[in-house]
Amino acid sequence: MKVSEVTRSVVADFCRIILEDQNEAELATLDALTEAAKQYCISYTGLTAEELDAHEDITVAMLVLVGDMYDNRQMYVDKANVNRTAETILGMHCVNLIPEEIIREEAGEG
């Protein structure tokens, strides 16, 4: 499954949430957590939203992040406390630490 294919229903199933039992505020929170996890993946890896789709394991990382944020809504979360599974998966796809010249050379841009 690609990141772009993740729906509210997929996230709810992963977090063991019964959608029908949620009110509008809870659904909005779930949507916000999903978007936050996606943006975190983009920021962490340096990939675009479209490039995330090329790596289906990033979907797992995103769902793990949503699950952690949902379970720990009242806890302060920072980069020091990132889920190790998500961090490992995202770390395999990081491009934002590679000098831009190398990326252009590999892409054949000279």
Protein backbone atom coordinates (compact mmCIF):
# COMPACT_ATOMS: atom_id res chain seq x y z
CA MET A 1 0.00 0.00 0.00
CA LYS A 2 1.28 3.45 -0.93
CA VAL A 3 1.24 6.44 1.42
CA SER A 4 -1.23 8.18 -0.91
CA GLU A 5 -3.62 5.21 -0.53
CA VAL A 6 -3.85 5.51 3.25
CA THR A 7 -7.42 6.38 4.15
CA ARG A 8 -9.11 7.28 7.40
CA SER A 9 -10.44 3.71 7.51
CA VAL A 10 -6.94 2.22 7.16
CA VAL A 11 -5.65 4.44 9.96
CA ALA A 12 -8.64 3.61 12.16
CA ASP A 13 -8.12 -0.12 11.64
CA PHE A 14 -4.42 0.20 12.46
CA CYS A 15 -5.20 2.15 15.64
CA ARG A 16 -8.09 -0.19 16.52
CA ILE A 17 -10.63 2.60 16.36
CA ILE A 18 -14.27 2.03 15.46
CA LEU A 19 -15.02 4.93 13.14
CA GLU A 20 -18.76 4.83 13.75
CA ASP A 21 -18.15 5.50 17.46
CA GLN A 22 -16.15 8.69 16.82
CA ASN A 23 -17.54 12.20 16.84
CA GLU A 24 -16.47 14.91 14.37
CA ALA A 25 -13.76 16.28 16.69
CA GLU A 26 -12.22 12.83 17.13
CA LEU A 27 -12.29 12.22 13.37
CA ALA A 28 -10.66 15.60 12.77
CA THR A 29 -7.96 14.67 15.28
CA LEU A 30 -7.35 11.38 13.49
CA ASP A 31 -7.07 13.20 10.16
CA ALA A 32 -4.68 15.74 11.66
CA LEU A 33 -2.49 13.01 13.13
CA THR A 34 -2.40 11.26 9.76
CA GLU A 35 -1.33 14.43 7.98
CA ALA A 36 1.24 15.18 10.70
CA ALA A 37 2.74 11.71 10.30
CA LYS A 38 2.91 12.13 6.51
CA GLN A 39 4.58 15.52 6.84
CA TYR A 40 7.02 14.07 9.37
CA CYS A 41 7.97 11.37 6.84
CA ILE A 42 8.51 14.02 4.17
CA SER A 43 10.59 16.17 6.50
CA TYR A 44 12.63 13.28 7.89
CA THR A 45 13.49 11.73 4.55
CA GLY A 46 13.65 14.77 2.28
CA LEU A 47 11.38 12.97 -0.20
CA THR A 48 8.33 14.58 -1.78
CA ALA A 49 4.84 13.21 -1.14
CA GLU A 50 4.96 11.56 -4.58
CA GLU A 51 8.37 10.01 -3.89
CA LEU A 52 7.08 8.47 -0.65
CA ASP A 53 4.79 6.29 -2.77
CA ALA A 54 7.80 4.55 -4.32
CA HIS A 55 8.59 3.01 -0.94
CA GLU A 56 5.68 1.03 0.48
CA ASP A 57 7.52 0.42 3.74
CA ILE A 58 7.19 4.14 4.47
CA THR A 59 3.45 3.47 4.80
CA VAL A 60 4.24 1.23 7.77
CA ALA A 61 6.38 3.96 9.31
CA MET A 62 3.59 6.48 8.80
CA LEU A 63 1.00 4.21 10.41
CA VAL A 64 3.32 3.51 13.34
CA LEU A 65 3.77 7.24 13.83
CA VAL A 66 0.01 7.84 13.74
CA GLY A 67 -0.50 5.01 16.23
CA ASP A 68 2.09 6.45 18.59
CA MET A 69 0.65 9.94 18.33
CA TYR A 70 -2.88 8.62 18.89
CA ASP A 71 -1.90 6.50 21.88
CA ASN A 72 0.22 9.25 23.42
CA ARG A 73 -1.91 12.31 22.66
CA GLN A 74 -1.30 13.76 26.11
CA MET A 75 2.45 13.13 26.12
CA TYR A 76 5.03 15.60 24.88
CA VAL A 77 6.68 14.13 21.79
CA ASP A 78 9.98 15.27 20.30
CA LYS A 79 12.60 13.86 17.96
CA ALA A 80 14.35 12.14 20.88
CA ASN A 81 11.33 9.88 21.36
CA VAL A 82 10.60 8.73 17.81
CA ASN A 83 9.42 5.15 17.46
CA ARG A 84 12.46 3.04 16.53
CA THR A 85 10.58 1.11 13.85
CA ALA A 86 9.55 4.32 12.11
CA GLU A 87 13.00 5.82 12.53
CA THR A 88 14.70 2.75 11.02
CA ILE A 89 12.38 2.62 8.01
CA LEU A 90 12.60 6.35 7.36
CA GLY A 91 16.36 6.33 7.82
CA MET A 92 16.71 3.86 4.95
CA HIS A 93 15.14 6.39 2.59
CA CYS A 94 16.76 9.64 3.75
CA VAL A 95 18.03 11.78 0.92
CA ASN A 96 18.20 15.11 2.71
CA LEU A 97 21.62 14.35 4.19
CA ILE A 98 23.18 13.66 0.79
CA PRO A 99 24.85 16.68 -0.84
CA GLU A 100 22.72 18.03 -3.67
CA GLU A 101 25.58 17.65 -6.18
CA ILE A 102 25.62 13.88 -5.67
CA ILE A 103 21.85 13.65 -6.12
CA ARG A 104 22.08 15.56 -9.42
CA GLU A 105 24.98 13.37 -10.63
CA GLU A 106 23.04 10.18 -9.90
CA ALA A 107 20.01 11.59 -11.69
CA GLY A 108 22.20 12.33 -14.73
CA GLU A 109 21.75 16.06 -14.40
CA GLY A 110 25.40 16.70 -14.48
